């Protein structure tokens, strides 16, 4: 039986080879062999799923089947993740070199959530930065600021308490507002954790 690692990174994907860069960034992020990658693929072409498999280790999981979109994929990932800590990454996004898995484990020894900054990019050019600091004071909920979703790691017992509403285009904002409302302690870093591609409904504006 495969040993359950402390951190699971959920990556939804569908016919997007940029996921190979995302996978490599997760491997680079994992400095303590403490991470499992859980890819929830929506039924991509065989050549793409084969390319994904070639980049995975024995600790990683690929589930490829039709789904109802990215938020359905997130929910499937929440159901399948068995680790103590859960993180997220889009197939077109990637982790920075400023935070490693050991930093996440240390931060969550005495917290429910660990949040950093996200730099958003379009065509490989940085367009703006989303800061994790307001999350500590729930300002994302109060002021409508975009929480840096993919720079957020949490205890699985908290994250599994809620689900993404697959009929809501802004389900990620709705989900994370519930998570922040429900947590007791947040650790925040001013370091950039994730580079996130602009283009989704919830990151297309401030």
Protein backbone atom coordinates (compact mmCIF):
# COMPACT_ATOMS: atom_id res chain seq x y z
CA UNK A 1 0.00 0.00 0.00
CA UNK A 2 1.32 3.44 -0.96
CA UNK A 3 2.24 5.61 2.01
CA UNK A 4 0.10 8.72 2.38
CA UNK A 5 2.25 11.84 2.12
CA UNK A 6 1.55 14.95 4.26
CA UNK A 7 0.62 17.25 1.33
CA UNK A 8 -1.65 16.69 -1.67
CA UNK A 9 -1.68 19.21 -4.52
CA UNK A 10 -4.93 19.01 -6.51
CA UNK A 11 -4.54 19.90 -10.20
CA UNK A 12 -7.64 19.96 -12.45
CA UNK A 13 -6.87 19.62 -16.14
CA UNK A 14 -8.39 19.17 -19.57
CA UNK A 15 -6.45 18.98 -22.86
CA UNK A 16 -3.77 21.42 -21.69
CA UNK A 17 -0.11 20.48 -22.07
CA UNK A 18 0.90 23.45 -19.94
CA UNK A 19 0.21 21.07 -17.06
CA UNK A 20 3.67 19.59 -17.65
CA UNK A 21 5.20 22.87 -16.41
CA UNK A 22 2.84 22.80 -13.42
CA UNK A 23 3.91 19.24 -12.57
CA UNK A 24 7.60 20.10 -12.79
CA UNK A 25 7.08 23.08 -10.49
CA UNK A 26 5.42 20.82 -7.91
CA UNK A 27 8.34 18.39 -8.05
CA UNK A 28 10.71 21.34 -7.52
CA UNK A 29 8.52 22.59 -4.65
CA UNK A 30 8.74 19.20 -2.91
CA UNK A 31 12.02 19.42 -1.00
CA UNK A 32 11.18 16.72 1.55
CA UNK A 33 9.44 14.00 -0.51
CA UNK A 34 6.24 15.03 1.26
CA UNK A 35 3.96 15.81 -1.70
CA UNK A 36 1.53 13.77 -3.78
CA UNK A 37 0.13 15.25 -6.98
CA UNK A 38 -3.54 14.47 -7.58
CA UNK A 39 -4.49 15.28 -11.15
CA UNK A 40 -8.21 15.33 -11.90
CA UNK A 41 -8.36 15.23 -15.68
CA UNK A 42 -11.66 15.81 -17.46
CA UNK A 43 -11.06 13.18 -20.11
CA UNK A 44 -8.21 14.59 -22.19
CA UNK A 45 -6.84 13.09 -25.37
CA UNK A 46 -4.76 9.94 -24.96
CA UNK A 47 -1.54 11.63 -26.08
CA UNK A 48 -1.94 14.26 -23.36
CA UNK A 49 -2.74 11.80 -20.57
CA UNK A 50 0.26 9.71 -21.66
CA UNK A 51 2.48 12.80 -21.46
CA UNK A 52 1.14 13.52 -17.98
CA UNK A 53 1.77 9.96 -16.78
CA UNK A 54 5.37 10.17 -17.97
CA UNK A 55 5.96 13.09 -15.57
CA UNK A 56 4.38 11.52 -12.49
CA UNK A 57 6.02 9.50 -9.73
CA UNK A 58 4.70 6.50 -7.85
CA UNK A 59 3.36 8.88 -5.18
CA UNK A 60 1.15 10.73 -7.68
CA UNK A 61 -2.34 9.92 -8.97
CA UNK A 62 -3.99 10.64 -12.31
CA UNK A 63 -7.76 10.29 -12.62
CA UNK A 64 -9.02 10.87 -16.15
CA UNK A 65 -12.77 10.81 -16.76
CA UNK A 66 -15.46 13.21 -18.02
CA UNK A 67 -16.51 15.84 -15.48
CA UNK A 68 -18.59 19.00 -15.25
CA UNK A 69 -15.72 21.48 -15.27
CA UNK A 70 -12.97 22.76 -13.03
CA UNK A 71 -15.08 23.07 -9.88
CA UNK A 72 -16.34 19.52 -10.27
CA UNK A 73 -12.68 18.55 -10.58
CA UNK A 74 -11.85 20.36 -7.34
CA UNK A 75 -14.65 18.53 -5.54
CA UNK A 76 -13.41 15.18 -6.83
CA UNK A 77 -9.94 16.10 -5.62
CA UNK A 78 -11.25 16.94 -2.16
CA UNK A 79 -12.98 13.56 -2.04
CA UNK A 80 -9.85 11.66 -3.13
CA UNK A 81 -7.19 13.51 -1.11
CA UNK A 82 -6.05 11.58 1.99
CA UNK A 83 -3.28 13.86 3.24
CA UNK A 84 -3.20 16.18 6.24
CA UNK A 85 -2.63 19.25 4.04
CA UNK A 86 -4.19 20.20 0.71
CA UNK A 87 -3.03 22.73 -1.87
CA UNK A 88 -4.16 23.61 -5.38
CA UNK A 89 -2.67 24.49 -8.74
CA UNK A 90 -4.19 25.19 -12.13
CA UNK A 91 -2.86 23.30 -15.12
CA UNK A 92 -1.65 26.59 -16.64
CA UNK A 93 -0.06 27.84 -13.40
CA UNK A 94 3.15 27.01 -11.54
CA UNK A 95 4.78 27.34 -8.13
CA UNK A 96 7.56 29.83 -7.55
CA UNK A 97 10.97 28.95 -6.12
CA UNK A 98 10.43 31.01 -2.95
CA UNK A 99 8.39 28.48 -0.92
CA UNK A 100 9.00 24.75 -0.49
CA UNK A 101 6.92 21.94 0.98
CA UNK A 102 8.88 22.05 4.24
CA UNK A 103 7.83 25.70 4.68
CA UNK A 104 4.18 24.76 4.25
CA UNK A 105 4.38 21.92 6.77
CA UNK A 106 6.09 24.18 9.31
CA UNK A 107 3.54 27.00 8.82
CA UNK A 108 0.58 24.67 9.33
CA UNK A 109 1.84 23.10 12.56
CA UNK A 110 -0.15 25.74 14.42
CA UNK A 111 -2.61 27.10 11.84
CA UNK A 112 -5.54 26.11 9.66
CA UNK A 113 -4.46 28.02 6.55
CA UNK A 114 -1.18 29.23 5.07
CA UNK A 115 -1.44 31.98 2.46
CA UNK A 116 1.11 33.75 0.28
CA UNK A 117 1.14 36.08 -2.69
CA UNK A 118 0.30 35.27 -6.30
CA UNK A 119 1.69 36.97 -9.37
CA UNK A 120 -0.73 36.87 -12.29
CA UNK A 121 0.59 36.74 -15.83
CA UNK A 122 -0.62 36.92 -19.41
CA UNK A 123 1.56 35.80 -22.33
CA UNK A 124 4.44 35.31 -19.87
CA UNK A 125 4.25 38.96 -18.71
CA UNK A 126 3.34 39.79 -15.10
CA UNK A 127 0.12 41.84 -15.04
CA UNK A 128 -0.46 42.29 -11.32
CA UNK A 129 0.00 40.73 -7.89
CA UNK A 130 -2.62 39.30 -5.55
CA UNK A 131 -1.59 39.61 -1.90
CA UNK A 132 -2.19 37.06 0.83
CA UNK A 133 -1.94 39.56 3.69
CA UNK A 134 -5.60 40.77 3.52
CA UNK A 135 -6.72 37.17 3.99
CA UNK A 136 -5.40 37.23 7.55
CA UNK A 137 -8.03 39.84 8.42
CA UNK A 138 -10.79 38.46 6.16
CA UNK A 139 -10.52 41.57 3.97
CA UNK A 140 -11.07 39.47 0.86
CA UNK A 141 -14.60 38.79 2.04
CA UNK A 142 -15.25 42.28 3.33
CA UNK A 143 -13.75 44.24 0.43
CA UNK A 144 -14.16 41.81 -2.44
CA UNK A 145 -10.43 41.44 -3.02
CA UNK A 146 -9.31 38.40 -5.00
CA UNK A 147 -7.86 35.86 -2.60
CA UNK A 148 -4.70 34.19 -3.97
CA UNK A 149 -6.43 30.80 -4.21
CA UNK A 150 -3.56 28.75 -5.57
CA UNK A 151 -1.19 30.27 -3.00
CA UNK A 152 -3.38 28.92 -0.20
CA UNK A 153 -2.69 25.67 1.66
CA UNK A 154 -4.96 24.31 4.37
CA UNK A 155 -5.62 21.54 6.83
CA UNK A 156 -7.67 18.91 5.05
CA UNK A 157 -10.32 18.69 7.78
CA UNK A 158 -11.13 22.36 7.14
CA UNK A 159 -11.02 22.27 3.35
CA UNK A 160 -13.14 19.12 3.13
CA UNK A 161 -15.94 20.72 5.16
CA UNK A 162 -17.05 22.74 2.13
CA UNK A 163 -17.65 22.12 -1.58
CA UNK A 164 -17.44 24.15 -4.78
CA UNK A 165 -20.80 25.03 -6.31
CA UNK A 166 -20.35 23.78 -9.88
CA UNK A 167 -23.17 26.01 -11.19
CA UNK A 168 -21.57 29.23 -9.90
CA UNK A 169 -18.97 30.86 -12.16
CA UNK A 170 -17.42 32.44 -9.07
CA UNK A 171 -17.48 29.25 -7.03
CA UNK A 172 -13.80 29.59 -6.09
CA UNK A 173 -14.44 32.97 -4.44
CA UNK A 174 -17.52 31.60 -2.69
CA UNK A 175 -15.63 28.52 -1.47
CA UNK A 176 -12.64 30.38 -0.10
CA UNK A 177 -14.84 32.94 1.67
CA UNK A 178 -16.45 30.03 3.53
CA UNK A 179 -13.03 28.58 4.34
CA UNK A 180 -11.72 31.84 5.76
CA UNK A 181 -14.90 32.36 7.75
CA UNK A 182 -14.52 28.87 9.23
CA UNK A 183 -10.83 28.87 10.18
CA UNK A 184 -9.39 29.86 13.53
CA UNK A 185 -5.81 30.80 12.63
CA UNK A 186 -4.08 31.89 9.42
CA UNK A 187 -0.36 32.07 8.73
CA UNK A 188 0.64 34.55 6.02
CA UNK A 189 3.88 35.08 4.12
CA UNK A 190 4.78 38.04 1.92
CA UNK A 191 6.56 35.71 -0.50
CA UNK A 192 5.15 34.82 -3.91
CA UNK A 193 4.05 31.20 -3.89
CA UNK A 194 2.34 30.87 -7.27
CA UNK A 195 2.39 32.32 -10.77
CA UNK A 196 -1.17 32.20 -12.09
CA UNK A 197 -2.36 32.66 -15.67
CA UNK A 198 -5.00 35.35 -16.14
CA UNK A 199 -8.14 34.33 -17.96
CA UNK A 200 -10.56 32.74 -15.54
CA UNK A 201 -13.82 34.42 -14.51
CA UNK A 202 -12.65 35.16 -10.97
CA UNK A 203 -9.15 36.44 -11.79
CA UNK A 204 -10.11 38.60 -14.76
CA UNK A 205 -10.53 41.69 -12.57
CA UNK A 206 -9.46 43.14 -9.22
